[in-house]
């Protein structure tokens, strides 16, 4: 089963960014939804995770 797991704070942030509900973000990250907005949400989640990893590596 494919899914992108991120912290709830990021879900709230993305819900505000994309003007949608946290449920929409969650379902997009669990690949239940596959709309254009869902694809953008997944792309943004990956960017946030990569940014977090980069911060850990720099420490």
PDB file of N, CA and C in Angstrom:
ATOM      1  N   UNK A   1       0.837  -1.180   0.000  1.00  0.00           N
ATOM      2  CA  UNK A   1       0.000   0.000   0.000  1.00  0.00           C
ATOM      3  C   UNK A   1       0.885   1.248   0.000  1.00  0.00           C
ATOM      4  N   UNK A   2       0.675   2.127  -0.985  1.00  0.00           N
ATOM      5  CA  UNK A   2       1.435   3.370  -1.081  1.00  0.00           C
ATOM      6  C   UNK A   2       0.814   4.423  -0.186  1.00  0.00           C
ATOM      7  N   UNK A   3       1.668   5.137   0.536  1.00  0.00           N
ATOM      8  CA  UNK A   3       1.212   6.315   1.262  1.00  0.00           C
ATOM      9  C   UNK A   3       2.416   7.138   1.666  1.00  0.00           C
ATOM     10  N   UNK A   4       2.191   8.407   1.816  1.00  0.00           N
ATOM     11  CA  UNK A   4       3.224   9.323   2.275  1.00  0.00           C
ATOM     12  C   UNK A   4       2.862   9.691   3.707  1.00  0.00           C
ATOM     13  N   UNK A   5       3.777   9.436   4.616  1.00  0.00           N
ATOM     14  CA  UNK A   5       3.512   9.700   6.033  1.00  0.00           C
ATOM     15  C   UNK A   5       4.254  10.959   6.461  1.00  0.00           C
ATOM     16  N   UNK A   6       3.497  11.922   6.942  1.00  0.00           N
ATOM     17  CA  UNK A   6       4.088  13.168   7.425  1.00  0.00           C
ATOM     18  C   UNK A   6       3.430  13.552   8.739  1.00  0.00           C
ATOM     19  N   UNK A   7       4.055  14.460   9.438  1.00  0.00           N
ATOM     20  CA  UNK A   7       3.542  14.937  10.720  1.00  0.00           C
ATOM     21  C   UNK A   7       2.254  15.732  10.504  1.00  0.00           C
ATOM     22  N   UNK A   8       1.393  15.708  11.491  1.00  0.00           N
ATOM     23  CA  UNK A   8       0.118  16.414  11.421  1.00  0.00           C
ATOM     24  C   UNK A   8       0.254  17.911  11.203  1.00  0.00           C
ATOM     25  N   UNK A   9       1.342  18.492  11.714  1.00  0.00           N
ATOM     26  CA  UNK A   9       1.564  19.930  11.506  1.00  0.00           C
ATOM     27  C   UNK A   9       1.711  20.248  10.023  1.00  0.00           C
ATOM     28  N   UNK A  10       2.396  19.369   9.303  1.00  0.00           N
ATOM     29  CA  UNK A  10       2.542  19.567   7.860  1.00  0.00           C
ATOM     30  C   UNK A  10       1.196  19.416   7.155  1.00  0.00           C
ATOM     31  N   UNK A  11       0.370  18.500   7.633  1.00  0.00           N
ATOM     32  CA  UNK A  11      -0.959  18.335   7.026  1.00  0.00           C
ATOM     33  C   UNK A  11      -1.779  19.609   7.191  1.00  0.00           C
ATOM     34  N   UNK A  12      -1.723  20.189   8.391  1.00  0.00           N
ATOM     35  CA  UNK A  12      -2.453  21.438   8.629  1.00  0.00           C
ATOM     36  C   UNK A  12      -1.916  22.559   7.746  1.00  0.00           C
ATOM     37  N   UNK A  13      -0.600  22.636   7.635  1.00  0.00           N
ATOM     38  CA  UNK A  13       0.027  23.660   6.799  1.00  0.00           C
ATOM     39  C   UNK A  13      -0.411  23.514   5.346  1.00  0.00           C
ATOM     40  N   UNK A  14      -0.405  22.293   4.838  1.00  0.00           N
ATOM     41  CA  UNK A  14      -0.782  22.076   3.441  1.00  0.00           C
ATOM     42  C   UNK A  14      -2.269  22.312   3.221  1.00  0.00           C
ATOM     43  N   UNK A  15      -3.102  21.999   4.210  1.00  0.00           N
ATOM     44  CA  UNK A  15      -4.532  22.269   4.082  1.00  0.00           C
ATOM     45  C   UNK A  15      -4.765  23.770   3.899  1.00  0.00           C
ATOM     46  N   UNK A  16      -4.009  24.578   4.626  1.00  0.00           N
ATOM     47  CA  UNK A  16      -4.122  26.031   4.469  1.00  0.00           C
ATOM     48  C   UNK A  16      -3.573  26.479   3.115  1.00  0.00           C
ATOM     49  N   UNK A  17      -2.426  25.918   2.720  1.00  0.00           N
ATOM     50  CA  UNK A  17      -1.807  26.294   1.445  1.00  0.00           C
ATOM     51  C   UNK A  17      -2.714  25.990   0.261  1.00  0.00           C
ATOM     52  N   UNK A  18      -3.362  24.835   0.299  1.00  0.00           N
ATOM     53  CA  UNK A  18      -4.177  24.386  -0.832  1.00  0.00           C
ATOM     54  C   UNK A  18      -5.663  24.696  -0.649  1.00  0.00           C
ATOM     55  N   UNK A  19      -6.002  25.391   0.443  1.00  0.00           N
ATOM     56  CA  UNK A  19      -7.386  25.783   0.715  1.00  0.00           C
ATOM     57  C   UNK A  19      -8.324  24.574   0.642  1.00  0.00           C
ATOM     58  N   UNK A  20      -7.993  23.564   1.446  1.00  0.00           N
ATOM     59  CA  UNK A  20      -8.814  22.358   1.496  1.00  0.00           C
ATOM     60  C   UNK A  20      -8.803  21.830   2.929  1.00  0.00           C
ATOM     61  N   UNK A  21      -9.495  20.743   3.167  1.00  0.00           N
ATOM     62  CA  UNK A  21      -9.557  20.174   4.511  1.00  0.00           C
ATOM     63  C   UNK A  21      -8.353  19.271   4.778  1.00  0.00           C
ATOM     64  N   UNK A  22      -8.114  19.015   6.046  1.00  0.00           N
ATOM     65  CA  UNK A  22      -7.052  18.084   6.429  1.00  0.00           C
ATOM     66  C   UNK A  22      -7.385  16.694   5.903  1.00  0.00           C
ATOM     67  N   UNK A  23      -8.656  16.355   5.879  1.00  0.00           N
ATOM     68  CA  UNK A  23      -9.091  15.063   5.344  1.00  0.00           C
ATOM     69  C   UNK A  23      -8.694  14.921   3.871  1.00  0.00           C
ATOM     70  N   UNK A  24      -8.848  15.981   3.104  1.00  0.00           N
ATOM     71  CA  UNK A  24      -8.451  15.949   1.692  1.00  0.00           C
ATOM     72  C   UNK A  24      -6.952  15.723   1.566  1.00  0.00           C
ATOM     73  N   UNK A  25      -6.176  16.404   2.402  1.00  0.00           N
ATOM     74  CA  UNK A  25      -4.724  16.219   2.388  1.00  0.00           C
ATOM     75  C   UNK A  25      -4.391  14.773   2.733  1.00  0.00           C
ATOM     76  N   UNK A  26      -5.001  14.257   3.789  1.00  0.00           N
ATOM     77  CA  UNK A  26      -4.732  12.882   4.225  1.00  0.00           C
ATOM     78  C   UNK A  26      -5.078  11.873   3.130  1.00  0.00           C
ATOM     79  N   UNK A  27      -6.238  12.020   2.525  1.00  0.00           N
ATOM     80  CA  UNK A  27      -6.658  11.078   1.485  1.00  0.00           C
ATOM     81  C   UNK A  27      -5.767  11.192   0.248  1.00  0.00           C
ATOM     82  N   UNK A  28      -5.260  12.378  -0.016  1.00  0.00           N
ATOM     83  CA  UNK A  28      -4.329  12.557  -1.131  1.00  0.00           C
ATOM     84  C   UNK A  28      -3.008  11.856  -0.844  1.00  0.00           C
ATOM     85  N   UNK A  29      -2.534  11.979   0.393  1.00  0.00           N
ATOM     86  CA  UNK A  29      -1.269  11.349   0.772  1.00  0.00           C
ATOM     87  C   UNK A  29      -1.383   9.830   0.848  1.00  0.00           C
ATOM     88  N   UNK A  30      -2.592   9.329   1.057  1.00  0.00           N
ATOM     89  CA  UNK A  30      -2.824   7.876   1.076  1.00  0.00           C
ATOM     90  C   UNK A  30      -3.184   7.350  -0.312  1.00  0.00           C
ATOM     91  N   UNK A  31      -3.104   8.220  -1.322  1.00  0.00           N
ATOM     92  CA  UNK A  31      -3.378   7.865  -2.719  1.00  0.00           C
ATOM     93  C   UNK A  31      -4.815   7.386  -2.941  1.00  0.00           C
ATOM     94  N   UNK A  32      -5.740   7.844  -2.106  1.00  0.00           N
ATOM     95  CA  UNK A  32      -7.157   7.553  -2.334  1.00  0.00           C
ATOM     96  C   UNK A  32      -7.675   8.496  -3.413  1.00  0.00           C
ATOM     97  N   UNK A  33      -7.281   9.775  -3.303  1.00  0.00           N
ATOM     98  CA  UNK A  33      -7.643  10.768  -4.308  1.00  0.00           C
ATOM     99  C   UNK A  33      -6.499  10.892  -5.306  1.00  0.00           C
ATOM    100  N   UNK A  34      -6.848  11.154  -6.578  1.00  0.00           N
ATOM    101  CA  UNK A  34      -5.805  11.271  -7.597  1.00  0.00           C
ATOM    102  C   UNK A  34      -6.060  12.453  -8.535  1.00  0.00           C
ATOM    103  N   UNK A  35      -6.639  13.509  -8.006  1.00  0.00           N
ATOM    104  CA  UNK A  35      -6.905  14.698  -8.816  1.00  0.00           C
ATOM    105  C   UNK A  35      -5.614  15.495  -9.003  1.00  0.00           C
ATOM    106  N   UNK A  36      -5.693  16.551  -9.791  1.00  0.00           N
ATOM    107  CA  UNK A  36      -4.531  17.419  -9.988  1.00  0.00           C
ATOM    108  C   UNK A  36      -4.092  18.037  -8.662  1.00  0.00           C
ATOM    109  N   UNK A  37      -5.068  18.455  -7.851  1.00  0.00           N
ATOM    110  CA  UNK A  37      -4.748  19.027  -6.544  1.00  0.00           C
ATOM    111  C   UNK A  37      -4.064  17.984  -5.665  1.00  0.00           C
ATOM    112  N   UNK A  38      -4.519  16.745  -5.728  1.00  0.00           N
ATOM    113  CA  UNK A  38      -3.907  15.671  -4.936  1.00  0.00           C
ATOM    114  C   UNK A  38      -2.461  15.444  -5.344  1.00  0.00           C
ATOM    115  N   UNK A  39      -2.204  15.513  -6.628  1.00  0.00           N
ATOM    116  CA  UNK A  39      -0.830  15.345  -7.115  1.00  0.00           C
ATOM    117  C   UNK A  39       0.057  16.486  -6.620  1.00  0.00           C
ATOM    118  N   UNK A  40      -0.484  17.704  -6.596  1.00  0.00           N
ATOM    119  CA  UNK A  40       0.269  18.848  -6.086  1.00  0.00           C
ATOM    120  C   UNK A  40       0.513  18.712  -4.585  1.00  0.00           C
ATOM    121  N   UNK A  41      -0.475  18.196  -3.857  1.00  0.00           N
ATOM    122  CA  UNK A  41      -0.322  17.977  -2.418  1.00  0.00           C
ATOM    123  C   UNK A  41       0.799  16.968  -2.161  1.00  0.00           C
ATOM    124  N   UNK A  42       0.823  15.880  -2.911  1.00  0.00           N
ATOM    125  CA  UNK A  42       1.881  14.878  -2.746  1.00  0.00           C
ATOM    126  C   UNK A  42       3.252  15.459  -3.090  1.00  0.00           C
ATOM    127  N   UNK A  43       3.295  16.266  -4.127  1.00  0.00           N
ATOM    128  CA  UNK A  43       4.552  16.903  -4.524  1.00  0.00           C
ATOM    129  C   UNK A  43       5.049  17.823  -3.408  1.00  0.00           C
ATOM    130  N   UNK A  44       4.147  18.596  -2.834  1.00  0.00           N
ATOM    131  CA  UNK A  44       4.510  19.519  -1.746  1.00  0.00           C
ATOM    132  C   UNK A  44       4.961  18.745  -0.508  1.00  0.00           C
ATOM    133  N   UNK A  45       4.302  17.636  -0.206  1.00  0.00           N
ATOM    134  CA  UNK A  45       4.690  16.815   0.941  1.00  0.00           C
ATOM    135  C   UNK A  45       6.113  16.293   0.763  1.00  0.00           C
ATOM    136  N   UNK A  46       6.436  15.866  -0.432  1.00  0.00           N
ATOM    137  CA  UNK A  46       7.791  15.375  -0.711  1.00  0.00           C
ATOM    138  C   UNK A  46       8.810  16.499  -0.544  1.00  0.00           C
ATOM    139  N   UNK A  47       8.458  17.709  -0.988  1.00  0.00           N
ATOM    140  CA  UNK A  47       9.358  18.855  -0.828  1.00  0.00           C
ATOM    141  C   UNK A  47       9.606  19.147   0.649  1.00  0.00           C
ATOM    142  N   UNK A  48       8.540  19.118   1.449  1.00  0.00           N
ATOM    143  CA  UNK A  48       8.682  19.379   2.879  1.00  0.00           C
ATOM    144  C   UNK A  48       9.544  18.318   3.555  1.00  0.00           C
ATOM    145  N   UNK A  49       9.361  17.069   3.172  1.00  0.00           N
ATOM    146  CA  UNK A  49      10.159  15.989   3.752  1.00  0.00           C
ATOM    147  C   UNK A  49      11.624  16.102   3.343  1.00  0.00           C
ATOM    148  N   UNK A  50      11.881  16.460   2.092  1.00  0.00           N
ATOM    149  CA  UNK A  50      13.263  16.623   1.635  1.00  0.00           C
ATOM    150  C   UNK A  50      13.940  17.784   2.363  1.00  0.00           C
ATOM    151  N   UNK A  51      13.182  18.845   2.613  1.00  0.00           N
ATOM    152  CA  UNK A  51      13.705  19.993   3.345  1.00  0.00           C
ATOM    153  C   UNK A  51      14.065  19.586   4.775  1.00  0.00           C
ATOM    154  N   UNK A  52      13.224  18.775   5.387  1.00  0.00           N
ATOM    155  CA  UNK A  52      13.479  18.304   6.746  1.00  0.00           C
ATOM    156  C   UNK A  52      14.721  17.405   6.791  1.00  0.00           C
ATOM    157  N   UNK A  53      14.864  16.538   5.815  1.00  0.00           N
ATOM    158  CA  UNK A  53      16.035  15.659   5.746  1.00  0.00           C
ATOM    159  C   UNK A  53      17.304  16.487   5.570  1.00  0.00           C
ATOM    160  N   UNK A  54      17.261  17.484   4.714  1.00  0.00           N
ATOM    161  CA  UNK A  54      18.427  18.339   4.487  1.00  0.00           C
ATOM    162  C   UNK A  54      18.840  19.047   5.777  1.00  0.00           C
ATOM    163  N   UNK A  55      17.867  19.468   6.569  1.00  0.00           N
ATOM    164  CA  UNK A  55      18.168  20.137   7.836  1.00  0.00           C
ATOM    165  C   UNK A  55      18.840  19.172   8.810  1.00  0.00           C
ATOM    166  N   UNK A  56      18.434  17.923   8.798  1.00  0.00           N
ATOM    167  CA  UNK A  56      19.033  16.919   9.684  1.00  0.00           C
ATOM    168  C   UNK A  56      20.469  16.632   9.257  1.00  0.00           C
ATOM    169  N   UNK A  57      20.696  16.523   7.967  1.00  0.00           N
ATOM    170  CA  UNK A  57      22.034  16.219   7.449  1.00  0.00           C
ATOM    171  C   UNK A  57      23.007  17.348   7.769  1.00  0.00           C
ATOM    172  N   UNK A  58      22.547  18.587   7.723  1.00  0.00           N
ATOM    173  CA  UNK A  58      23.406  19.744   7.975  1.00  0.00           C
ATOM    174  C   UNK A  58      23.828  19.850   9.430  1.00  0.00           C
ATOM    175  N   UNK A  59      23.088  19.254  10.334  1.00  0.00           N
ATOM    176  CA  UNK A  59      23.405  19.361  11.770  1.00  0.00           C
ATOM    177  C   UNK A  59      24.636  18.657  12.128  1.00  0.00           C
TER     178      UNK A  59
END
